[in-house]
Amino acid sequence: MSVRNQGTTLFTAILILVGTTVVVQLWLLTVSMEALLSGQIRTLVPAAIGSSVLLLINACLLRYVFRFDRDIERE
């Protein structure tokens, strides 16, 4: 399997992971807004922490894709 094919497979897997985490973040936003409107403030902090962790995961995955692409360009 060539490096280009591995890159395509890797990029597809990372794209699926990013799409899944974005959907979970949207769900957390919905839950947070419902909790805020109903006056349940205790729910907001765990949802914000979870969303921040998912944002960090997405940023790391994006950085990895850019680094992998740069390494392929050098070869």
C-alpha atoms as a PDB file:
ATOM      1  CA  MET A   1       0.000   0.000   0.000  1.00  0.00           C
ATOM      2  CA  SER A   2       1.491   3.335  -1.044  1.00  0.00           C
ATOM      3  CA  VAL A   3       1.856   6.328   1.232  1.00  0.00           C
ATOM      4  CA  ARG A   4      -0.783   8.226  -0.752  1.00  0.00           C
ATOM      5  CA  ASN A   5      -3.336   5.440  -0.251  1.00  0.00           C
ATOM      6  CA  GLN A   6      -2.473   5.305   3.434  1.00  0.00           C
ATOM      7  CA  GLY A   7      -2.964   9.071   3.597  1.00  0.00           C
ATOM      8  CA  THR A   8      -6.353   8.812   1.950  1.00  0.00           C
ATOM      9  CA  THR A   9      -7.448   6.086   4.349  1.00  0.00           C
ATOM     10  CA  LEU A  10      -6.103   8.035   7.320  1.00  0.00           C
ATOM     11  CA  PHE A  11      -7.796  11.240   6.207  1.00  0.00           C
ATOM     12  CA  THR A  12     -11.120   9.440   5.750  1.00  0.00           C
ATOM     13  CA  ALA A  13     -10.929   7.918   9.234  1.00  0.00           C
ATOM     14  CA  ILE A  14     -10.026  11.274  10.797  1.00  0.00           C
ATOM     15  CA  LEU A  15     -12.848  12.967   8.902  1.00  0.00           C
ATOM     16  CA  ILE A  16     -15.326  10.438  10.306  1.00  0.00           C
ATOM     17  CA  LEU A  17     -13.992  11.038  13.824  1.00  0.00           C
ATOM     18  CA  VAL A  18     -14.249  14.811  13.409  1.00  0.00           C
ATOM     19  CA  GLY A  19     -17.791  14.520  12.063  1.00  0.00           C
ATOM     20  CA  THR A  20     -18.791  12.366  15.022  1.00  0.00           C
ATOM     21  CA  THR A  21     -17.288  14.751  17.568  1.00  0.00           C
ATOM     22  CA  VAL A  22     -18.980  17.726  15.902  1.00  0.00           C
ATOM     23  CA  VAL A  23     -22.350  15.975  16.179  1.00  0.00           C
ATOM     24  CA  VAL A  24     -21.673  15.277  19.869  1.00  0.00           C
ATOM     25  CA  GLN A  25     -20.713  18.931  20.378  1.00  0.00           C
ATOM     26  CA  LEU A  26     -23.967  20.042  18.760  1.00  0.00           C
ATOM     27  CA  TRP A  27     -25.853  17.690  21.057  1.00  0.00           C
ATOM     28  CA  LEU A  28     -24.014  19.160  24.063  1.00  0.00           C
ATOM     29  CA  LEU A  29     -24.932  22.654  22.890  1.00  0.00           C
ATOM     30  CA  THR A  30     -28.584  21.652  22.632  1.00  0.00           C
ATOM     31  CA  VAL A  31     -28.555  20.103  26.102  1.00  0.00           C
ATOM     32  CA  SER A  32     -26.824  23.171  27.507  1.00  0.00           C
ATOM     33  CA  MET A  33     -29.332  25.558  25.991  1.00  0.00           C
ATOM     34  CA  GLU A  34     -32.268  23.506  27.279  1.00  0.00           C
ATOM     35  CA  ALA A  35     -30.692  23.421  30.755  1.00  0.00           C
ATOM     36  CA  LEU A  36     -30.059  27.160  30.687  1.00  0.00           C
ATOM     37  CA  LEU A  37     -33.617  27.943  29.647  1.00  0.00           C
ATOM     38  CA  SER A  38     -35.053  25.654  32.321  1.00  0.00           C
ATOM     39  CA  GLY A  39     -32.832  27.110  35.045  1.00  0.00           C
ATOM     40  CA  GLN A  40     -30.629  24.055  35.667  1.00  0.00           C
ATOM     41  CA  ILE A  41     -27.266  25.779  35.872  1.00  0.00           C
ATOM     42  CA  ARG A  42     -25.405  22.718  37.244  1.00  0.00           C
ATOM     43  CA  THR A  43     -25.590  21.025  33.835  1.00  0.00           C
ATOM     44  CA  LEU A  44     -23.713  23.791  32.040  1.00  0.00           C
ATOM     45  CA  VAL A  45     -20.246  23.248  33.519  1.00  0.00           C
ATOM     46  CA  PRO A  46     -19.913  19.523  32.631  1.00  0.00           C
ATOM     47  CA  ALA A  47     -21.264  20.212  29.142  1.00  0.00           C
ATOM     48  CA  ALA A  48     -18.754  23.032  28.650  1.00  0.00           C
ATOM     49  CA  ILE A  49     -15.896  20.827  29.856  1.00  0.00           C
ATOM     50  CA  GLY A  50     -16.962  17.996  27.546  1.00  0.00           C
ATOM     51  CA  SER A  51     -17.261  20.333  24.587  1.00  0.00           C
ATOM     52  CA  SER A  52     -13.826  21.809  25.329  1.00  0.00           C
ATOM     53  CA  VAL A  53     -12.278  18.345  25.413  1.00  0.00           C
ATOM     54  CA  LEU A  54     -13.873  17.513  22.066  1.00  0.00           C
ATOM     55  CA  LEU A  55     -12.596  20.795  20.630  1.00  0.00           C
ATOM     56  CA  LEU A  56      -9.090  19.907  21.788  1.00  0.00           C
ATOM     57  CA  ILE A  57      -9.379  16.460  20.188  1.00  0.00           C
ATOM     58  CA  ASN A  58     -10.516  18.014  16.896  1.00  0.00           C
ATOM     59  CA  ALA A  59      -7.653  20.522  16.960  1.00  0.00           C
ATOM     60  CA  CYS A  60      -5.117  17.743  17.549  1.00  0.00           C
ATOM     61  CA  LEU A  61      -6.556  15.671  14.710  1.00  0.00           C
ATOM     62  CA  LEU A  62      -6.417  18.670  12.365  1.00  0.00           C
ATOM     63  CA  ARG A  63      -2.808  19.348  13.354  1.00  0.00           C
ATOM     64  CA  TYR A  64      -1.953  15.706  12.691  1.00  0.00           C
ATOM     65  CA  VAL A  65      -3.529  15.856   9.223  1.00  0.00           C
ATOM     66  CA  PHE A  66      -1.570  18.995   8.321  1.00  0.00           C
ATOM     67  CA  ARG A  67       1.677  17.465   9.586  1.00  0.00           C
ATOM     68  CA  PHE A  68       1.043  14.208   7.686  1.00  0.00           C
ATOM     69  CA  ASP A  69       0.267  16.165   4.501  1.00  0.00           C
ATOM     70  CA  ARG A  70       3.446  18.218   4.869  1.00  0.00           C
ATOM     71  CA  ASP A  71       5.492  15.028   5.335  1.00  0.00           C
ATOM     72  CA  ILE A  72       3.976  13.507   2.184  1.00  0.00           C
ATOM     73  CA  GLU A  73       4.755  16.664   0.213  1.00  0.00           C
ATOM     74  CA  ARG A  74       8.436  16.391   1.207  1.00  0.00           C
ATOM     75  CA  GLU A  75       8.716  12.830  -0.124  1.00  0.00           C
END
